[in-house]
Structure formats: C-alpha cells, structure tokens
Amino acid sequence: GQKWEDTERKAVLPVILDGQMKDGGWGKPDAKTSDAETTYRVMRALMLLKEKPKDADGVAKFVASCRRKDGGYGVDAEAPSSMSGVYYAAKISEWLK
C-alpha cells in the first residue's frame, strides 16, 4: 500500500542521493571515480522516482568528462568511445532536462 511505498522511498532516496561522487556521477562500490553505467542506473531510478540529483550540474560535468575527440562518449573519463558510452550519455542528458 501507499504507506509502505512512502516508508521505502524515505529509506532509499537519501542513500541514492548521498552516493553522488565528487566528480558528479555514481560509481561501483569502492571505486574512486564514477562510471556511466552506474550513473545511468541511478539516474534512471531517480527519473522513475520523479526526483533530481542533489548536484545536477555535477552530473552534466561528469557526462561531459566522458566525451571524446571523435564525438563519442566513453563509459568513464578514461575509456574510449563506445556505443554503451554514447547511450548512457544520451539518456542521462535527457533525464537531466
């Protein structure tokens, strides 16, 4: 019922929001930097919850850090362009609007 959903939301949302890293995205456990796959999954969850990240500009900066000279996107700030990187960047950017 509604009461359970509200309780779960209040328990989960702060954990999700507080997991945002200094580089603007989210990363796997024990990672020092964010990756696009994890950031995509978190942003999808936030979109479904109709919530925004604490630092939306930070998320946009993280996505920009994944852009490569060839016009594509990597799955992190170091990776070469890939279809996965482009997909994640496109969807994350869409959800930020």
C-alpha atoms as a PDB file:
ATOM      1  CA  GLY A   1       0.000   0.000   0.000  1.00  0.00           C
ATOM      2  CA  GLN A   2       0.847   3.691  -0.048  1.00  0.00           C
ATOM      3  CA  LYS A   3       2.288   3.714   3.484  1.00  0.00           C
ATOM      4  CA  TRP A   4       4.872   1.023   2.601  1.00  0.00           C
ATOM      5  CA  GLU A   5       5.933   2.893  -0.547  1.00  0.00           C
ATOM      6  CA  ASP A   6       6.429   6.139   1.388  1.00  0.00           C
ATOM      7  CA  THR A   7       8.498   4.334   4.021  1.00  0.00           C
ATOM      8  CA  GLU A   8      10.667   2.647   1.411  1.00  0.00           C
ATOM      9  CA  ARG A   9      11.113   5.877  -0.544  1.00  0.00           C
ATOM     10  CA  LYS A  10      12.218   7.748   2.581  1.00  0.00           C
ATOM     11  CA  ALA A  11      14.715   4.989   3.353  1.00  0.00           C
ATOM     12  CA  VAL A  12      16.159   4.589  -0.146  1.00  0.00           C
ATOM     13  CA  LEU A  13      16.219   8.113  -1.568  1.00  0.00           C
ATOM     14  CA  PRO A  14      18.813   9.599   0.825  1.00  0.00           C
ATOM     15  CA  VAL A  15      21.132   6.652   0.196  1.00  0.00           C
ATOM     16  CA  ILE A  16      20.879   7.160  -3.551  1.00  0.00           C
ATOM     17  CA  LEU A  17      21.363  10.933  -3.369  1.00  0.00           C
ATOM     18  CA  ASP A  18      24.244  10.748  -0.883  1.00  0.00           C
ATOM     19  CA  GLY A  19      26.086   8.304  -3.143  1.00  0.00           C
ATOM     20  CA  GLN A  20      26.867  11.016  -5.695  1.00  0.00           C
ATOM     21  CA  MET A  21      30.642  11.307  -6.005  1.00  0.00           C
ATOM     22  CA  LYS A  22      32.792  14.438  -6.212  1.00  0.00           C
ATOM     23  CA  ASP A  23      33.149  14.032  -9.993  1.00  0.00           C
ATOM     24  CA  GLY A  24      29.367  14.328 -10.341  1.00  0.00           C
ATOM     25  CA  GLY A  25      28.318  10.772 -11.087  1.00  0.00           C
ATOM     26  CA  TRP A  26      27.993   7.498  -9.235  1.00  0.00           C
ATOM     27  CA  GLY A  27      30.388   4.569  -9.176  1.00  0.00           C
ATOM     28  CA  LYS A  28      30.644   0.981  -8.134  1.00  0.00           C
ATOM     29  CA  PRO A  29      31.450   0.118  -4.501  1.00  0.00           C
ATOM     30  CA  ASP A  30      34.997   1.122  -3.531  1.00  0.00           C
ATOM     31  CA  ALA A  31      35.530   2.980  -6.838  1.00  0.00           C
ATOM     32  CA  LYS A  32      37.374   6.279  -6.656  1.00  0.00           C
ATOM     33  CA  THR A  33      35.614   7.693  -9.728  1.00  0.00           C
ATOM     34  CA  SER A  34      32.209   7.457 -11.357  1.00  0.00           C
ATOM     35  CA  ASP A  35      31.257   5.374 -14.343  1.00  0.00           C
ATOM     36  CA  ALA A  36      28.495   5.928 -16.879  1.00  0.00           C
ATOM     37  CA  GLU A  37      26.796   2.558 -16.324  1.00  0.00           C
ATOM     38  CA  THR A  38      26.281   3.143 -12.601  1.00  0.00           C
ATOM     39  CA  THR A  39      25.352   6.789 -13.157  1.00  0.00           C
ATOM     40  CA  TYR A  40      22.801   5.694 -15.788  1.00  0.00           C
ATOM     41  CA  ARG A  41      21.198   3.199 -13.386  1.00  0.00           C
ATOM     42  CA  VAL A  42      20.988   5.752 -10.567  1.00  0.00           C
ATOM     43  CA  MET A  43      19.622   8.461 -12.854  1.00  0.00           C
ATOM     44  CA  ARG A  44      17.004   6.005 -14.173  1.00  0.00           C
ATOM     45  CA  ALA A  45      15.952   5.234 -10.604  1.00  0.00           C
ATOM     46  CA  LEU A  46      15.716   8.962  -9.832  1.00  0.00           C
ATOM     47  CA  MET A  47      13.705   9.545 -13.010  1.00  0.00           C
ATOM     48  CA  LEU A  48      11.258   6.789 -12.028  1.00  0.00           C
ATOM     49  CA  LEU A  49      11.011   8.282  -8.535  1.00  0.00           C
ATOM     50  CA  LYS A  50      10.440  11.724 -10.112  1.00  0.00           C
ATOM     51  CA  GLU A  51      13.461  13.095  -8.242  1.00  0.00           C
ATOM     52  CA  LYS A  52      16.544  15.070  -9.279  1.00  0.00           C
ATOM     53  CA  PRO A  53      20.122  14.508  -8.135  1.00  0.00           C
ATOM     54  CA  LYS A  54      21.489  16.868  -5.474  1.00  0.00           C
ATOM     55  CA  ASP A  55      24.052  18.210  -7.968  1.00  0.00           C
ATOM     56  CA  ALA A  56      22.563  18.093 -11.472  1.00  0.00           C
ATOM     57  CA  ASP A  57      25.345  20.343 -12.799  1.00  0.00           C
ATOM     58  CA  GLY A  58      27.845  17.830 -11.439  1.00  0.00           C
ATOM     59  CA  VAL A  59      26.139  15.022 -13.356  1.00  0.00           C
ATOM     60  CA  ALA A  60      26.304  17.106 -16.543  1.00  0.00           C
ATOM     61  CA  LYS A  61      30.024  17.750 -15.926  1.00  0.00           C
ATOM     62  CA  PHE A  62      30.620  14.032 -15.399  1.00  0.00           C
ATOM     63  CA  VAL A  63      28.901  13.249 -18.711  1.00  0.00           C
ATOM     64  CA  ALA A  64      30.993  15.942 -20.417  1.00  0.00           C
ATOM     65  CA  SER A  65      34.160  14.346 -18.988  1.00  0.00           C
ATOM     66  CA  CYS A  66      33.265  11.151 -20.864  1.00  0.00           C
ATOM     67  CA  ARG A  67      33.161  12.943 -24.258  1.00  0.00           C
ATOM     68  CA  ARG A  68      35.962  12.055 -26.665  1.00  0.00           C
ATOM     69  CA  LYS A  69      37.606  13.944 -29.512  1.00  0.00           C
ATOM     70  CA  ASP A  70      35.851  11.686 -32.036  1.00  0.00           C
ATOM     71  CA  GLY A  71      32.465  12.998 -30.824  1.00  0.00           C
ATOM     72  CA  GLY A  72      31.536   9.827 -28.956  1.00  0.00           C
ATOM     73  CA  TYR A  73      31.455   9.061 -25.252  1.00  0.00           C
ATOM     74  CA  GLY A  74      33.342   6.577 -23.136  1.00  0.00           C
ATOM     75  CA  VAL A  75      31.886   4.725 -20.179  1.00  0.00           C
ATOM     76  CA  ASP A  76      34.126   6.753 -17.867  1.00  0.00           C
ATOM     77  CA  ALA A  77      36.528   9.693 -18.046  1.00  0.00           C
ATOM     78  CA  GLU A  78      39.352   7.469 -19.381  1.00  0.00           C
ATOM     79  CA  ALA A  79      37.603   4.967 -21.663  1.00  0.00           C
ATOM     80  CA  PRO A  80      37.471   5.263 -25.463  1.00  0.00           C
ATOM     81  CA  SER A  81      34.197   5.970 -27.241  1.00  0.00           C
ATOM     82  CA  SER A  82      31.724   3.118 -27.370  1.00  0.00           C
ATOM     83  CA  MET A  83      28.079   2.544 -28.184  1.00  0.00           C
ATOM     84  CA  SER A  84      27.409   1.956 -24.481  1.00  0.00           C
ATOM     85  CA  GLY A  85      29.075   5.244 -23.568  1.00  0.00           C
ATOM     86  CA  VAL A  86      27.025   7.143 -26.155  1.00  0.00           C
ATOM     87  CA  TYR A  87      23.782   5.516 -24.994  1.00  0.00           C
ATOM     88  CA  TYR A  88      24.443   6.262 -21.328  1.00  0.00           C
ATOM     89  CA  ALA A  89      25.441   9.866 -22.066  1.00  0.00           C
ATOM     90  CA  ALA A  90      22.347  10.457 -24.220  1.00  0.00           C
ATOM     91  CA  LYS A  91      19.881   9.025 -21.692  1.00  0.00           C
ATOM     92  CA  ILE A  92      21.491  10.729 -18.683  1.00  0.00           C
ATOM     93  CA  SER A  93      21.465  14.051 -20.531  1.00  0.00           C
ATOM     94  CA  GLU A  94      17.806  13.560 -21.469  1.00  0.00           C
ATOM     95  CA  TRP A  95      16.840  12.888 -17.848  1.00  0.00           C
ATOM     96  CA  LEU A  96      18.699  15.993 -16.676  1.00  0.00           C
ATOM     97  CA  LYS A  97      16.372  18.210 -18.750  1.00  0.00           C
END
